[in-house]
C-alpha atoms as a PDB file:
ATOM      1  CA  MET A   1      -8.746  12.387  28.392  1.00  0.00           C
ATOM      2  CA  ILE A   2      -6.776  11.556  25.255  1.00  0.00           C
ATOM      3  CA  LEU A   3      -5.617   8.190  26.780  1.00  0.00           C
ATOM      4  CA  THR A   4      -9.241   7.234  27.394  1.00  0.00           C
ATOM      5  CA  PHE A   5     -10.227   7.766  23.839  1.00  0.00           C
ATOM      6  CA  LEU A   6      -7.277   5.674  22.777  1.00  0.00           C
ATOM      7  CA  ILE A   7      -7.890   2.823  25.240  1.00  0.00           C
ATOM      8  CA  VAL A   8     -11.564   2.744  24.081  1.00  0.00           C
ATOM      9  CA  VAL A   9     -10.516   2.960  20.384  1.00  0.00           C
ATOM     10  CA  SER A  10      -8.196  -0.088  20.956  1.00  0.00           C
ATOM     11  CA  ILE A  11     -10.854  -1.990  22.764  1.00  0.00           C
ATOM     12  CA  LEU A  12     -13.171  -1.245  19.735  1.00  0.00           C
ATOM     13  CA  VAL A  13     -10.547  -2.689  17.496  1.00  0.00           C
ATOM     14  CA  ILE A  14     -10.267  -6.001  19.552  1.00  0.00           C
ATOM     15  CA  ILE A  15     -14.321  -6.154  19.332  1.00  0.00           C
ATOM     16  CA  LEU A  16     -14.358  -5.757  15.861  1.00  0.00           C
ATOM     17  CA  GLY A  17     -11.925  -8.179  15.373  1.00  0.00           C
ATOM     18  CA  LEU A  18     -13.600 -10.793  17.430  1.00  0.00           C
ATOM     19  CA  TYR A  19     -17.016  -9.999  15.640  1.00  0.00           C
ATOM     20  CA  GLY A  20     -15.252 -10.627  12.461  1.00  0.00           C
ATOM     21  CA  LEU A  21     -13.831 -14.263  13.723  1.00  0.00           C
ATOM     22  CA  MET A  22     -17.213 -15.237  15.090  1.00  0.00           C
ATOM     23  CA  THR A  23     -19.292 -14.069  11.887  1.00  0.00           C
ATOM     24  CA  LYS A  24     -17.019 -14.926   9.005  1.00  0.00           C
ATOM     25  CA  ARG A  25     -16.879 -18.609   7.266  1.00  0.00           C
ATOM     26  CA  ASN A  26     -14.097 -17.909   4.977  1.00  0.00           C
ATOM     27  CA  LEU A  27     -10.560 -18.941   6.367  1.00  0.00           C
ATOM     28  CA  ILE A  28      -8.556 -15.972   5.008  1.00  0.00           C
ATOM     29  CA  LYS A  29     -11.476 -13.475   6.469  1.00  0.00           C
ATOM     30  CA  MET A  30     -11.176 -15.488   9.864  1.00  0.00           C
ATOM     31  CA  PHE A  31      -7.254 -15.107   9.695  1.00  0.00           C
ATOM     32  CA  ILE A  32      -7.537 -11.464   8.838  1.00  0.00           C
ATOM     33  CA  ALA A  33      -9.898 -11.090  11.953  1.00  0.00           C
ATOM     34  CA  ILE A  34      -7.304 -12.926  14.226  1.00  0.00           C
ATOM     35  CA  GLU A  35      -4.939 -10.361  13.005  1.00  0.00           C
ATOM     36  CA  ILE A  36      -7.032  -7.558  14.073  1.00  0.00           C
ATOM     37  CA  VAL A  37      -7.411  -8.674  17.392  1.00  0.00           C
ATOM     38  CA  PHE A  38      -3.650  -8.831  17.757  1.00  0.00           C
ATOM     39  CA  PHE A  39      -3.202  -5.276  16.311  1.00  0.00           C
ATOM     40  CA  GLY A  40      -5.830  -3.975  18.967  1.00  0.00           C
ATOM     41  CA  ALA A  41      -3.984  -6.063  21.842  1.00  0.00           C
ATOM     42  CA  MET A  42      -0.514  -4.180  20.627  1.00  0.00           C
ATOM     43  CA  ILE A  43      -2.384  -0.985  20.426  1.00  0.00           C
ATOM     44  CA  LEU A  44      -3.540  -1.547  24.142  1.00  0.00           C
ATOM     45  CA  ILE A  45      -0.222  -2.590  25.489  1.00  0.00           C
ATOM     46  CA  ALA A  46       1.544   0.165  23.630  1.00  0.00           C
ATOM     47  CA  ILE A  47      -1.094   2.915  25.129  1.00  0.00           C
ATOM     48  CA  LEU A  48      -0.429   1.210  28.658  1.00  0.00           C
ATOM     49  CA  ALA A  49       3.331   1.953  28.318  1.00  0.00           C
ATOM     50  CA  LEU A  50       2.466   5.484  28.569  1.00  0.00           C
ATOM     51  CA  ILE A  51       0.903   5.020  31.890  1.00  0.00           C
ATOM     52  CA  ALA A  52       3.250   2.383  33.390  1.00  0.00           C
ATOM     53  CA  ALA A  53       6.163   3.067  35.726  1.00  0.00           C
ATOM     54  CA  ASN A  54       8.305   0.813  33.280  1.00  0.00           C
ATOM     55  CA  PRO A  55       7.660   1.638  29.707  1.00  0.00           C
ATOM     56  CA  ILE A  56      10.483  -0.663  28.423  1.00  0.00           C
ATOM     57  CA  LEU A  57       8.884  -3.646  29.930  1.00  0.00           C
ATOM     58  CA  THR A  58       5.555  -2.733  28.050  1.00  0.00           C
ATOM     59  CA  GLN A  59       7.275  -2.126  24.902  1.00  0.00           C
ATOM     60  CA  PHE A  60       9.395  -5.425  25.345  1.00  0.00           C
ATOM     61  CA  PHE A  61       5.505  -7.223  25.570  1.00  0.00           C
ATOM     62  CA  VAL A  62       4.452  -5.316  22.362  1.00  0.00           C
ATOM     63  CA  LEU A  63       7.675  -6.664  20.693  1.00  0.00           C
ATOM     64  CA  ILE A  64       6.762 -10.263  21.608  1.00  0.00           C
ATOM     65  CA  ILE A  65       2.971  -9.856  20.693  1.00  0.00           C
ATOM     66  CA  ALA A  66       4.296  -8.731  17.012  1.00  0.00           C
ATOM     67  CA  LEU A  67       6.777 -11.815  17.063  1.00  0.00           C
ATOM     68  CA  VAL A  68       3.854 -14.118  17.861  1.00  0.00           C
ATOM     69  CA  ALA A  69       1.412 -12.330  15.243  1.00  0.00           C
ATOM     70  CA  ALA A  70       4.222 -12.942  12.668  1.00  0.00           C
ATOM     71  CA  LEU A  71       4.710 -16.656  13.513  1.00  0.00           C
ATOM     72  CA  GLU A  72       0.904 -17.112  13.707  1.00  0.00           C
ATOM     73  CA  GLU A  73       0.772 -15.674  10.010  1.00  0.00           C
ATOM     74  CA  ALA A  74       3.256 -17.859   8.720  1.00  0.00           C
ATOM     75  CA  VAL A  75       1.874 -21.130  10.329  1.00  0.00           C
ATOM     76  CA  GLY A  76      -1.943 -19.833   9.394  1.00  0.00           C
ATOM     77  CA  VAL A  77      -1.084 -19.238   5.768  1.00  0.00           C
ATOM     78  CA  GLY A  78       0.599 -22.632   5.631  1.00  0.00           C
ATOM     79  CA  ILE A  79      -2.553 -24.437   7.166  1.00  0.00           C
ATOM     80  CA  ILE A  80      -5.045 -22.753   4.732  1.00  0.00           C
ATOM     81  CA  LEU A  81      -2.925 -23.455   1.706  1.00  0.00           C
ATOM     82  CA  VAL A  82      -2.852 -27.306   2.889  1.00  0.00           C
ATOM     83  CA  ILE A  83      -6.691 -27.099   3.638  1.00  0.00           C
ATOM     84  CA  LYS A  84      -7.276 -25.760   0.216  1.00  0.00           C
ATOM     85  CA  ARG A  85      -5.424 -28.388  -1.358  1.00  0.00           C
ATOM     86  CA  VAL A  86      -6.807 -31.114   0.410  1.00  0.00           C
ATOM     87  CA  THR A  87     -10.817 -29.890   0.170  1.00  0.00           C
ATOM     88  CA  GLY A  88     -10.695 -27.403  -2.673  1.00  0.00           C
ATOM     89  CA  THR A  89     -12.146 -24.821  -0.697  1.00  0.00           C
ATOM     90  CA  ILE A  90     -11.326 -22.387   2.051  1.00  0.00           C
ATOM     91  CA  ASP A  91     -14.750 -22.334   3.633  1.00  0.00           C
ATOM     92  CA  ALA A  92     -14.532 -23.271   7.519  1.00  0.00           C
ATOM     93  CA  ASP A  93     -17.556 -25.570   7.252  1.00  0.00           C
ATOM     94  CA  ALA A  94     -15.565 -27.732   4.936  1.00  0.00           C
ATOM     95  CA  LEU A  95     -13.084 -28.759   7.794  1.00  0.00           C
ATOM     96  CA  ALA A  96     -16.116 -30.951   9.230  1.00  0.00           C
ATOM     97  CA  GLN A  97     -15.453 -33.193   5.884  1.00  0.00           C
ATOM     98  CA  LEU A  98     -11.872 -34.009   6.898  1.00  0.00           C
ATOM     99  CA  LYS A  99     -13.170 -35.784  10.111  1.00  0.00           C
ATOM    100  CA  GLU A 100     -15.321 -38.387   7.721  1.00  0.00           C
END
């Protein structure tokens, strides 16, 4: 019962992050939405560690996802800063101007 509730909550967190990613045009808000998706995935995999026969392996996957999220944060912030310097704004629609 409690595991089902936790799985539903983690899936809702992932859906919330995907909704934020699709509706926001600000790069910082989109970046935060991606982090919410990563967080929801980590919660889901950690919950599945309670069910799995080998919880060490699932904890390893959570660690790998956390490392990928940290790397994505570092690279993402760097890219956003460069976009801010080039275009003067952090709006995603301004990226279309870089093609021209």
